[in-house]
PDB file of all heavy atoms in Angstrom:
ATOM      1  N   ASP A   1      -4.981 -12.108   8.820  1.00  0.00           N
ATOM      2  CA  ASP A   1      -6.420 -12.116   8.593  1.00  0.00           C
ATOM      3  C   ASP A   1      -6.796 -10.892   7.748  1.00  0.00           C
ATOM      4  O   ASP A   1      -5.935 -10.072   7.389  1.00  0.00           O
ATOM      5  CB  ASP A   1      -7.190 -12.161   9.912  1.00  0.00           C
ATOM      6  CG  ASP A   1      -6.929 -10.966  10.827  1.00  0.00           C
ATOM      7  OD1 ASP A   1      -6.610  -9.874  10.311  1.00  0.00           O
ATOM      8  OD2 ASP A   1      -7.059 -11.121  12.065  1.00  0.00           O
ATOM      9  N   ALA A   2      -8.080 -10.748   7.430  1.00  0.00           N
ATOM     10  CA  ALA A   2      -8.506  -9.687   6.505  1.00  0.00           C
ATOM     11  C   ALA A   2      -8.183  -8.296   7.056  1.00  0.00           C
ATOM     12  O   ALA A   2      -7.738  -7.407   6.311  1.00  0.00           O
ATOM     13  CB  ALA A   2      -9.999  -9.816   6.227  1.00  0.00           C
ATOM     14  N   ALA A   3      -8.381  -8.096   8.367  1.00  0.00           N
ATOM     15  CA  ALA A   3      -8.110  -6.782   8.956  1.00  0.00           C
ATOM     16  C   ALA A   3      -6.618  -6.469   8.936  1.00  0.00           C
ATOM     17  O   ALA A   3      -6.212  -5.334   8.650  1.00  0.00           O
ATOM     18  CB  ALA A   3      -8.655  -6.739  10.384  1.00  0.00           C
ATOM     19  N   GLN A   4      -5.796  -7.465   9.247  1.00  0.00           N
ATOM     20  CA  GLN A   4      -4.348  -7.244   9.223  1.00  0.00           C
ATOM     21  C   GLN A   4      -3.849  -6.975   7.811  1.00  0.00           C
ATOM     22  O   GLN A   4      -2.988  -6.116   7.596  1.00  0.00           O
ATOM     23  CB  GLN A   4      -3.643  -8.465   9.825  1.00  0.00           C
ATOM     24  CG  GLN A   4      -3.854  -8.613  11.321  1.00  0.00           C
ATOM     25  CD  GLN A   4      -3.338  -9.935  11.848  1.00  0.00           C
ATOM     26  OE1 GLN A   4      -3.387 -10.961  11.149  1.00  0.00           O
ATOM     27  NE2 GLN A   4      -2.842  -9.931  13.064  1.00  0.00           N
ATOM     28  N   ARG A   5      -4.401  -7.694   6.836  1.00  0.00           N
ATOM     29  CA  ARG A   5      -3.998  -7.466   5.448  1.00  0.00           C
ATOM     30  C   ARG A   5      -4.389  -6.059   5.010  1.00  0.00           C
ATOM     31  O   ARG A   5      -3.635  -5.392   4.291  1.00  0.00           O
ATOM     32  CB  ARG A   5      -4.619  -8.526   4.561  1.00  0.00           C
ATOM     33  CG  ARG A   5      -4.372  -8.333   3.071  1.00  0.00           C
ATOM     34  CD  ARG A   5      -2.873  -8.371   2.703  1.00  0.00           C
ATOM     35  NE  ARG A   5      -2.700  -7.830   1.366  1.00  0.00           N
ATOM     36  CZ  ARG A   5      -2.904  -8.525   0.255  1.00  0.00           C
ATOM     37  NH1 ARG A   5      -3.273  -9.810   0.328  1.00  0.00           N
ATOM     38  NH2 ARG A   5      -2.717  -7.964  -0.929  1.00  0.00           N
ATOM     39  N   LYS A   6      -5.557  -5.594   5.425  1.00  0.00           N
ATOM     40  CA  LYS A   6      -5.974  -4.233   5.093  1.00  0.00           C
ATOM     41  C   LYS A   6      -5.010  -3.218   5.693  1.00  0.00           C
ATOM     42  O   LYS A   6      -4.627  -2.236   5.035  1.00  0.00           O
ATOM     43  CB  LYS A   6      -7.393  -3.992   5.602  1.00  0.00           C
ATOM     44  CG  LYS A   6      -7.949  -2.622   5.237  1.00  0.00           C
ATOM     45  CD  LYS A   6      -9.388  -2.466   5.721  1.00  0.00           C
ATOM     46  CE  LYS A   6      -9.935  -1.086   5.354  1.00  0.00           C
ATOM     47  NZ  LYS A   6     -11.336  -0.921   5.843  1.00  0.00           N
ATOM     48  N   THR A   7      -4.580  -3.455   6.931  1.00  0.00           N
ATOM     49  CA  THR A   7      -3.622  -2.555   7.574  1.00  0.00           C
ATOM     50  C   THR A   7      -2.304  -2.553   6.817  1.00  0.00           C
ATOM     51  O   THR A   7      -1.700  -1.489   6.593  1.00  0.00           O
ATOM     52  CB  THR A   7      -3.393  -2.977   9.038  1.00  0.00           C
ATOM     53  OG1 THR A   7      -4.638  -2.972   9.734  1.00  0.00           O
ATOM     54  CG2 THR A   7      -2.419  -2.026   9.736  1.00  0.00           C
ATOM     55  N   VAL A   8      -1.833  -3.724   6.408  1.00  0.00           N
ATOM     56  CA  VAL A   8      -0.579  -3.814   5.662  1.00  0.00           C
ATOM     57  C   VAL A   8      -0.689  -3.061   4.337  1.00  0.00           C
ATOM     58  O   VAL A   8       0.243  -2.353   3.930  1.00  0.00           O
ATOM     59  CB  VAL A   8      -0.193  -5.297   5.439  1.00  0.00           C
ATOM     60  CG1 VAL A   8       0.937  -5.417   4.429  1.00  0.00           C
ATOM     61  CG2 VAL A   8       0.226  -5.927   6.757  1.00  0.00           C
ATOM     62  N   ASP A   9      -1.812  -3.179   3.658  1.00  0.00           N
ATOM     63  CA  ASP A   9      -1.985  -2.463   2.388  1.00  0.00           C
ATOM     64  C   ASP A   9      -1.971  -0.952   2.591  1.00  0.00           C
ATOM     65  O   ASP A   9      -1.393  -0.210   1.787  1.00  0.00           O
ATOM     66  CB  ASP A   9      -3.276  -2.901   1.706  1.00  0.00           C
ATOM     67  CG  ASP A   9      -3.198  -4.310   1.136  1.00  0.00           C
ATOM     68  OD1 ASP A   9      -2.065  -4.807   0.935  1.00  0.00           O
ATOM     69  OD2 ASP A   9      -4.257  -4.914   0.876  1.00  0.00           O
ATOM     70  N   VAL A  10      -2.612  -0.483   3.667  1.00  0.00           N
ATOM     71  CA  VAL A  10      -2.585   0.953   3.975  1.00  0.00           C
ATOM     72  C   VAL A  10      -1.154   1.396   4.270  1.00  0.00           C
ATOM     73  O   VAL A  10      -0.686   2.439   3.777  1.00  0.00           O
ATOM     74  CB  VAL A  10      -3.515   1.260   5.167  1.00  0.00           C
ATOM     75  CG1 VAL A  10      -3.295   2.685   5.677  1.00  0.00           C
ATOM     76  CG2 VAL A  10      -4.969   1.069   4.767  1.00  0.00           C
ATOM     77  N   LEU A  11      -0.437   0.613   5.059  1.00  0.00           N
ATOM     78  CA  LEU A  11       0.953   0.941   5.376  1.00  0.00           C
ATOM     79  C   LEU A  11       1.819   0.947   4.117  1.00  0.00           C
ATOM     80  O   LEU A  11       2.722   1.783   3.974  1.00  0.00           O
ATOM     81  CB  LEU A  11       1.509  -0.060   6.390  1.00  0.00           C
ATOM     82  CG  LEU A  11       0.968   0.090   7.821  1.00  0.00           C
ATOM     83  CD1 LEU A  11       1.324  -1.139   8.652  1.00  0.00           C
ATOM     84  CD2 LEU A  11       1.509   1.348   8.474  1.00  0.00           C
ATOM     85  N   GLY A  12       1.549   0.021   3.192  1.00  0.00           N
ATOM     86  CA  GLY A  12       2.323  -0.030   1.957  1.00  0.00           C
ATOM     87  C   GLY A  12       2.210   1.247   1.153  1.00  0.00           C
ATOM     88  O   GLY A  12       3.209   1.764   0.629  1.00  0.00           O
ATOM     89  N   ASP A  13       0.992   1.794   1.083  1.00  0.00           N
ATOM     90  CA  ASP A  13       0.796   3.027   0.321  1.00  0.00           C
ATOM     91  C   ASP A  13       1.318   4.252   1.063  1.00  0.00           C
ATOM     92  O   ASP A  13       1.513   5.309   0.459  1.00  0.00           O
ATOM     93  CB  ASP A  13      -0.678   3.204  -0.018  1.00  0.00           C
ATOM     94  CG  ASP A  13      -1.118   2.266  -1.146  1.00  0.00           C
ATOM     95  OD1 ASP A  13      -0.259   1.847  -1.937  1.00  0.00           O
ATOM     96  OD2 ASP A  13      -2.320   1.950  -1.218  1.00  0.00           O
ATOM     97  N   LEU A  14       1.553   4.128   2.370  1.00  0.00           N
ATOM     98  CA  LEU A  14       2.186   5.209   3.127  1.00  0.00           C
ATOM     99  C   LEU A  14       3.705   5.136   3.039  1.00  0.00           C
ATOM    100  O   LEU A  14       4.392   6.161   2.936  1.00  0.00           O
ATOM    101  CB  LEU A  14       1.749   5.153   4.597  1.00  0.00           C
ATOM    102  CG  LEU A  14       0.278   5.480   4.885  1.00  0.00           C
ATOM    103  CD1 LEU A  14      -0.062   5.143   6.328  1.00  0.00           C
ATOM    104  CD2 LEU A  14       0.000   6.947   4.596  1.00  0.00           C
ATOM    105  N   ILE A  15       4.247   3.921   3.059  1.00  0.00           N
ATOM    106  CA  ILE A  15       5.702   3.744   3.033  1.00  0.00           C
ATOM    107  C   ILE A  15       6.260   3.950   1.627  1.00  0.00           C
ATOM    108  O   ILE A  15       7.277   4.623   1.427  1.00  0.00           O
ATOM    109  CB  ILE A  15       6.056   2.339   3.573  1.00  0.00           C
ATOM    110  CG1 ILE A  15       5.723   2.254   5.066  1.00  0.00           C
ATOM    111  CG2 ILE A  15       7.530   2.020   3.351  1.00  0.00           C
ATOM    112  CD1 ILE A  15       5.787   0.850   5.637  1.00  0.00           C
ATOM    113  N   LEU A  16       5.596   3.363   0.635  1.00  0.00           N
ATOM    114  CA  LEU A  16       5.985   3.532  -0.771  1.00  0.00           C
ATOM    115  C   LEU A  16       4.753   4.022  -1.537  1.00  0.00           C
ATOM    116  O   LEU A  16       4.042   3.243  -2.158  1.00  0.00           O
ATOM    117  CB  LEU A  16       6.501   2.210  -1.357  1.00  0.00           C
ATOM    118  CG  LEU A  16       7.870   1.737  -0.863  1.00  0.00           C
ATOM    119  CD1 LEU A  16       8.166   0.327  -1.366  1.00  0.00           C
ATOM    120  CD2 LEU A  16       8.961   2.684  -1.322  1.00  0.00           C
ATOM    121  N   PRO A  17       4.466   5.326  -1.467  1.00  0.00           N
ATOM    122  CA  PRO A  17       3.224   5.832  -2.054  1.00  0.00           C
ATOM    123  C   PRO A  17       3.265   5.903  -3.573  1.00  0.00           C
ATOM    124  O   PRO A  17       4.332   5.815  -4.194  1.00  0.00           O
ATOM    125  CB  PRO A  17       3.115   7.236  -1.451  1.00  0.00           C
ATOM    126  CG  PRO A  17       4.525   7.635  -1.171  1.00  0.00           C
ATOM    127  CD  PRO A  17       5.245   6.365  -0.792  1.00  0.00           C
ATOM    128  N   GLN A  18       2.118   6.053  -4.135  1.00  0.00           N
ATOM    129  CA  GLN A  18       2.000   6.232  -5.581  1.00  0.00           C
ATOM    130  C   GLN A  18       2.721   7.501  -6.012  1.00  0.00           C
ATOM    131  O   GLN A  18       2.710   8.517  -5.321  1.00  0.00           O
ATOM    132  CB  GLN A  18       0.519   6.332  -5.951  1.00  0.00           C
ATOM    133  CG  GLN A  18       0.244   6.607  -7.416  1.00  0.00           C
ATOM    134  CD  GLN A  18      -1.237   6.719  -7.730  1.00  0.00           C
ATOM    135  OE1 GLN A  18      -2.067   6.487  -6.850  1.00  0.00           O
ATOM    136  NE2 GLN A  18      -1.570   7.090  -8.934  1.00  0.00           N
ATOM    137  N   ASP A  19       3.376   7.426  -7.166  1.00  0.00           N
ATOM    138  CA  ASP A  19       3.974   8.613  -7.764  1.00  0.00           C
ATOM    139  C   ASP A  19       3.757   8.562  -9.266  1.00  0.00           C
ATOM    140  O   ASP A  19       2.992   7.729  -9.764  1.00  0.00           O
ATOM    141  CB  ASP A  19       5.461   8.741  -7.396  1.00  0.00           C
ATOM    142  CG  ASP A  19       6.300   7.553  -7.856  1.00  0.00           C
ATOM    143  OD1 ASP A  19       5.829   6.788  -8.740  1.00  0.00           O
ATOM    144  OD2 ASP A  19       7.415   7.366  -7.347  1.00  0.00           O
ATOM    145  N   ALA A  20       4.434   9.452  -9.998  1.00  0.00           N
ATOM    146  CA  ALA A  20       4.227   9.508 -11.446  1.00  0.00           C
ATOM    147  C   ALA A  20       4.717   8.248 -12.144  1.00  0.00           C
ATOM    148  O   ALA A  20       4.290   7.940 -13.259  1.00  0.00           O
ATOM    149  CB  ALA A  20       4.941  10.732 -12.020  1.00  0.00           C
ATOM    150  N   ALA A  21       5.633   7.502 -11.510  1.00  0.00           N
ATOM    151  CA  ALA A  21       6.233   6.339 -12.155  1.00  0.00           C
ATOM    152  C   ALA A  21       5.502   5.036 -11.879  1.00  0.00           C
ATOM    153  O   ALA A  21       5.531   4.125 -12.701  1.00  0.00           O
ATOM    154  CB  ALA A  21       7.696   6.205 -11.724  1.00  0.00           C
ATOM    155  N   SER A  22       4.845   4.925 -10.727  1.00  0.00           N
ATOM    156  CA  SER A  22       4.257   3.626 -10.373  1.00  0.00           C
ATOM    157  C   SER A  22       3.188   3.795  -9.309  1.00  0.00           C
ATOM    158  O   SER A  22       3.175   4.802  -8.584  1.00  0.00           O
ATOM    159  CB  SER A  22       5.342   2.674  -9.868  1.00  0.00           C
ATOM    160  OG  SER A  22       5.911   3.176  -8.665  1.00  0.00           O
ATOM    161  N   PRO A  23       2.296   2.801  -9.171  1.00  0.00           N
ATOM    162  CA  PRO A  23       1.334   2.808  -8.057  1.00  0.00           C
ATOM    163  C   PRO A  23       2.044   2.602  -6.727  1.00  0.00           C
ATOM    164  O   PRO A  23       3.237   2.264  -6.673  1.00  0.00           O
ATOM    165  CB  PRO A  23       0.413   1.629  -8.394  1.00  0.00           C
ATOM    166  CG  PRO A  23       0.691   1.283  -9.820  1.00  0.00           C
ATOM    167  CD  PRO A  23       2.101   1.681 -10.079  1.00  0.00           C
ATOM    168  N   GLY A  24       1.307   2.786  -5.639  1.00  0.00           N
ATOM    169  CA  GLY A  24       1.858   2.512  -4.322  1.00  0.00           C
ATOM    170  C   GLY A  24       2.027   1.024  -4.074  1.00  0.00           C
ATOM    171  O   GLY A  24       1.440   0.183  -4.762  1.00  0.00           O
ATOM    172  N   ALA A  25       2.836   0.696  -3.065  1.00  0.00           N
ATOM    173  CA  ALA A  25       3.111  -0.711  -2.766  1.00  0.00           C
ATOM    174  C   ALA A  25       1.855  -1.454  -2.332  1.00  0.00           C
ATOM    175  O   ALA A  25       1.685  -2.631  -2.647  1.00  0.00           O
ATOM    176  CB  ALA A  25       4.182  -0.813  -1.684  1.00  0.00           C
ATOM    177  N   GLY A  26       0.955  -0.784  -1.618  1.00  0.00           N
ATOM    178  CA  GLY A  26      -0.284  -1.439  -1.218  1.00  0.00           C
ATOM    179  C   GLY A  26      -1.165  -1.768  -2.405  1.00  0.00           C
ATOM    180  O   GLY A  26      -1.699  -2.878  -2.515  1.00  0.00           O
ATOM    181  N   ALA A  27      -1.295  -0.813  -3.305  1.00  0.00           N
ATOM    182  CA  ALA A  27      -2.128  -1.025  -4.491  1.00  0.00           C
ATOM    183  C   ALA A  27      -1.566  -2.114  -5.396  1.00  0.00           C
ATOM    184  O   ALA A  27      -2.323  -2.808  -6.087  1.00  0.00           O
ATOM    185  CB  ALA A  27      -2.275   0.279  -5.269  1.00  0.00           C
ATOM    186  N   LEU A  28      -0.252  -2.292  -5.394  1.00  0.00           N
ATOM    187  CA  LEU A  28       0.379  -3.310  -6.235  1.00  0.00           C
ATOM    188  C   LEU A  28       0.294  -4.714  -5.633  1.00  0.00           C
ATOM    189  O   LEU A  28       0.702  -5.686  -6.271  1.00  0.00           O
ATOM    190  CB  LEU A  28       1.851  -2.962  -6.478  1.00  0.00           C
ATOM    191  CG  LEU A  28       2.130  -1.950  -7.586  1.00  0.00           C
ATOM    192  CD1 LEU A  28       3.620  -1.611  -7.630  1.00  0.00           C
ATOM    193  CD2 LEU A  28       1.686  -2.497  -8.942  1.00  0.00           C
TER     194      LEU A  28
END
């Protein structure tokens, strides 16, 4: 659902965060 997807996106940017080479996994 929308809340779970939001949580997954937050976790994505924590697990594979943005760096100089690419955006975070959540943002992608």
